Structure formats: C-alpha cells, structure tokens
Protein backbone atom coordinates (compact mmCIF):
# COMPACT_ATOMS: atom_id res chain seq x y z
CA UNK A 1 0.00 0.00 0.00
CA UNK A 2 1.24 3.46 -0.87
CA UNK A 3 1.65 5.84 2.06
CA UNK A 4 -0.13 9.10 1.07
CA UNK A 5 1.95 11.10 3.55
CA UNK A 6 5.18 9.87 1.94
CA UNK A 7 3.84 10.61 -1.54
CA UNK A 8 2.87 14.15 -0.52
CA UNK A 9 6.30 14.62 1.12
CA UNK A 10 8.01 13.56 -2.13
CA UNK A 11 5.86 16.00 -4.10
CA UNK A 12 6.94 18.80 -1.78
CA UNK A 13 10.70 18.26 -2.16
CA UNK A 14 11.09 20.74 -5.03
CA UNK A 15 9.07 23.37 -3.11
CA UNK A 16 6.19 23.71 -5.59
CA UNK A 17 3.97 26.76 -5.61
CA UNK A 18 1.16 24.54 -6.92
CA UNK A 19 0.35 21.09 -5.53
CA UNK A 20 -2.13 18.87 -7.39
CA UNK A 21 -3.61 15.95 -5.43
CA UNK A 22 -6.14 13.33 -6.41
CA UNK A 23 -8.18 12.18 -3.39
CA UNK A 24 -5.20 12.28 -0.99
CA UNK A 25 -7.08 10.92 2.02
CA UNK A 26 -9.25 8.19 0.50
CA UNK A 27 -9.18 5.06 2.62
CA UNK A 28 -7.27 6.60 5.51
CA UNK A 29 -8.31 6.45 9.13
CA UNK A 30 -9.68 9.69 10.64
CA UNK A 31 -6.49 10.52 12.56
CA UNK A 32 -4.26 10.32 9.50
CA UNK A 33 -6.81 12.23 7.42
CA UNK A 34 -6.72 15.08 9.94
CA UNK A 35 -2.91 15.10 9.96
CA UNK A 36 -2.78 15.39 6.18
CA UNK A 37 -5.31 18.23 6.18
CA UNK A 38 -3.40 20.01 8.93
CA UNK A 39 -0.22 19.72 6.83
CA UNK A 40 -1.99 20.97 3.71
CA UNK A 41 -3.35 24.01 5.58
CA UNK A 42 0.17 24.73 6.88
CA UNK A 43 1.55 24.59 3.33
CA UNK A 44 -1.11 27.03 2.22
CA UNK A 45 -0.77 29.43 5.13
CA UNK A 46 2.98 29.32 5.80
CA UNK A 47 4.45 28.69 2.36
CA UNK A 48 1.75 30.14 0.11
CA UNK A 49 1.39 26.87 -1.75
CA UNK A 50 -1.78 26.57 -3.78
CA UNK A 51 -3.33 23.16 -3.24
CA UNK A 52 -5.77 21.87 -5.84
CA UNK A 53 -7.34 18.53 -5.08
CA UNK A 54 -10.21 16.22 -5.78
CA UNK A 55 -12.27 14.64 -3.04
CA UNK A 56 -15.59 12.89 -2.78
CA UNK A 57 -15.72 13.64 0.95
CA UNK A 58 -17.95 16.68 1.40
CA UNK A 59 -16.69 17.36 4.94
CA UNK A 60 -13.20 17.78 3.48
CA UNK A 61 -14.47 20.06 0.72
CA UNK A 62 -16.21 22.19 3.36
CA UNK A 63 -12.77 23.16 4.73
CA UNK A 64 -11.44 24.37 1.37
CA UNK A 65 -11.16 28.00 0.27
CA UNK A 66 -13.09 27.32 -2.96
CA UNK A 67 -14.85 24.31 -4.38
CA UNK A 68 -16.18 23.21 -7.72
CA UNK A 69 -19.00 20.69 -7.60
CA UNK A 70 -18.93 18.21 -10.47
CA UNK A 71 -21.79 16.04 -11.65
CA UNK A 72 -21.21 13.48 -14.37
CA UNK A 73 -18.06 15.25 -15.54
CA UNK A 74 -19.53 18.76 -15.66
CA UNK A 75 -19.01 21.67 -13.30
CA UNK A 76 -22.36 22.40 -11.65
CA UNK A 77 -21.32 25.20 -9.33
CA UNK A 78 -18.20 26.90 -7.96
CA UNK A 79 -17.56 29.18 -5.02
CA UNK A 80 -16.60 29.39 -1.39
CA UNK A 81 -18.25 26.62 0.64
CA UNK A 82 -19.80 29.07 3.10
CA UNK A 83 -21.29 31.12 0.25
CA UNK A 84 -22.69 28.05 -1.48
CA UNK A 85 -24.39 26.74 1.66
CA UNK A 86 -25.62 30.23 2.64
CA UNK A 87 -27.21 30.61 -0.80
CA UNK A 88 -29.58 27.75 0.04
CA UNK A 89 -30.60 29.74 3.09
CA UNK A 90 -32.70 28.70 6.01
CA UNK A 91 -32.96 25.13 7.15
CA UNK A 92 -33.67 21.75 5.68
CA UNK A 93 -36.23 19.28 6.96
CA UNK A 94 -35.53 15.67 6.07
CA UNK A 95 -38.42 13.29 6.64
CA UNK A 96 -38.01 9.51 6.57
CA UNK A 97 -41.08 7.72 5.29
CA UNK A 98 -41.97 4.39 3.74
CA UNK A 99 -43.85 6.38 1.08
CA UNK A 100 -41.72 9.44 0.29
CA UNK A 101 -43.29 10.26 -3.11
CA UNK A 102 -46.84 10.12 -1.72
CA UNK A 103 -45.89 12.05 1.40
CA UNK A 104 -44.14 14.82 -0.59
CA UNK A 105 -47.20 15.17 -2.79
CA UNK A 106 -49.51 15.29 0.24
CA UNK A 107 -47.38 17.93 1.97
CA UNK A 108 -47.34 20.07 -1.17
CA UNK A 109 -51.10 19.73 -1.62
CA UNK A 110 -52.27 20.12 1.96
CA UNK A 111 -49.65 22.50 3.42
CA UNK A 112 -48.40 24.22 0.26
CA UNK A 113 -44.77 23.50 1.16
CA UNK A 114 -41.97 22.90 -1.37
CA UNK A 115 -41.58 19.22 -0.50
CA UNK A 116 -39.79 16.84 -2.81
CA UNK A 117 -38.94 13.19 -2.60
CA UNK A 118 -35.27 12.35 -3.01
CA UNK A 119 -34.38 8.69 -2.83
CA UNK A 120 -36.05 7.40 0.34
CA UNK A 121 -36.70 10.74 2.10
CA UNK A 122 -38.76 13.90 1.74
CA UNK A 123 -36.89 17.20 1.79
CA UNK A 124 -38.15 20.71 2.46
CA UNK A 125 -35.76 23.66 2.12
CA UNK A 126 -37.00 26.84 3.70
CA UNK A 127 -36.36 29.61 6.24
CA UNK A 128 -37.39 28.73 9.79
CA UNK A 129 -38.20 25.18 8.69
CA UNK A 130 -38.06 23.98 12.29
CA UNK A 131 -41.42 25.68 12.85
CA UNK A 132 -42.99 23.27 10.34
CA UNK A 133 -42.16 20.06 12.20
CA UNK A 134 -45.26 20.22 14.44
CA UNK A 135 -47.75 20.87 11.63
CA UNK A 136 -46.18 18.12 9.50
CA UNK A 137 -46.35 15.58 12.35
CA UNK A 138 -49.92 16.63 13.18
CA UNK A 139 -51.05 16.22 9.59
CA UNK A 140 -49.00 13.21 8.48
CA UNK A 141 -47.72 11.51 11.65
CA UNK A 142 -48.54 7.98 10.49
CA UNK A 143 -46.40 8.39 7.37
CA UNK A 144 -43.40 9.84 9.25
CA UNK A 145 -40.71 7.55 10.68
CA UNK A 146 -38.21 10.29 11.59
CA UNK A 147 -37.68 14.02 11.09
CA UNK A 148 -34.39 15.91 11.09
CA UNK A 149 -33.85 19.67 10.85
CA UNK A 150 -30.42 20.91 9.78
CA UNK A 151 -28.57 23.80 8.25
CA UNK A 152 -27.41 23.31 4.65
CA UNK A 153 -24.16 21.46 3.93
CA UNK A 154 -22.26 21.03 0.67
CA UNK A 155 -24.05 17.72 0.28
CA UNK A 156 -27.34 19.66 0.37
CA UNK A 157 -25.98 22.14 -2.19
CA UNK A 158 -25.09 19.26 -4.51
CA UNK A 159 -28.52 17.69 -4.06
CA UNK A 160 -30.28 21.02 -4.62
CA UNK A 161 -28.46 21.71 -7.90
CA UNK A 162 -28.43 18.19 -9.34
CA UNK A 163 -31.68 16.76 -7.96
CA UNK A 164 -29.90 13.69 -6.63
CA UNK A 165 -27.64 12.63 -3.81
CA UNK A 166 -23.87 12.65 -4.13
CA UNK A 167 -22.66 9.15 -4.96
C-alpha cells in the first residue's frame, strides 16, 4: 500500500507553488486524514502553496477555500463553501417515510410546502423550517418515521443543484 503522507512529502521536495492531489485521504483512518489536512493548511498558510485537489468527501471540501461541484463530468457550481451553503438559506427538513413520493405530494397539496422526494426521504428547504415540524407531524404523523432539521451542507448544495444525492 502506498503511504499518502510519503507521496505528498516527495511531491513537496522541489518546493512547488502549486500542488495537485487526487483524493489524498481516501481510505485513511480519521487521525491520518486530519494530519494530512493540517499539513496541507500549513503549506497554504505558511508557504503560500496553492493546493488543488479532488475529493468525494464533502466534509473535506467544506474546509477548502473554494470548491467546484462536479456532476457526471460537468461543473455544476463553484464558489466558497460558506457562500454556497448560505445561498440555500434557512434550514432543511428531512423526513423519513416508507412512502416518500406520496408524502411529498400530500405535503405540497395540503400544506403548500416545497416538499420533494429524493431517494427514500422527503426534503423541504426553507427559512425557519423547524417551525414546520409540528404541523407536519400533526397532519402526516402515520407516514413519518423520523424528522431531522439541519442547516445546509455542501451535500445539500449538490442535491439542490443536481436533484440527486452525491454518490
């Protein structure tokens, strides 16, 4: 097995101003992943090295200065992670249901909310979405297995712009 830390160290020997990495932390345990990211941030901050990398781990992309989200080989969106998540605004309700398509349709019809079924869940993106949990449970409690309210992440940005989950 190739040691990613050793490979990155070898790439740094000539003191590059630009470092290109392809999924440098894939398959690594969390401790080693964090060490590599700490080293990459030090290179950026101390040495001014520009680091360009690919990753399928959205939590890693969240820590980058800029990201480009790709879907099926095409750039969907670029920007600073904080700006991209802020552009979604508000909160996201994720509802687990055995009948997500039917539940999304019922929520749209009865409550007029922008509900959509994505894979096996119903999603509603909206300001102050947490206030909707009670009315949704009151109206559709039998069809709801679980409800989660969260602030947008890069995964949510990807889903919003592509209509599907990141694979």
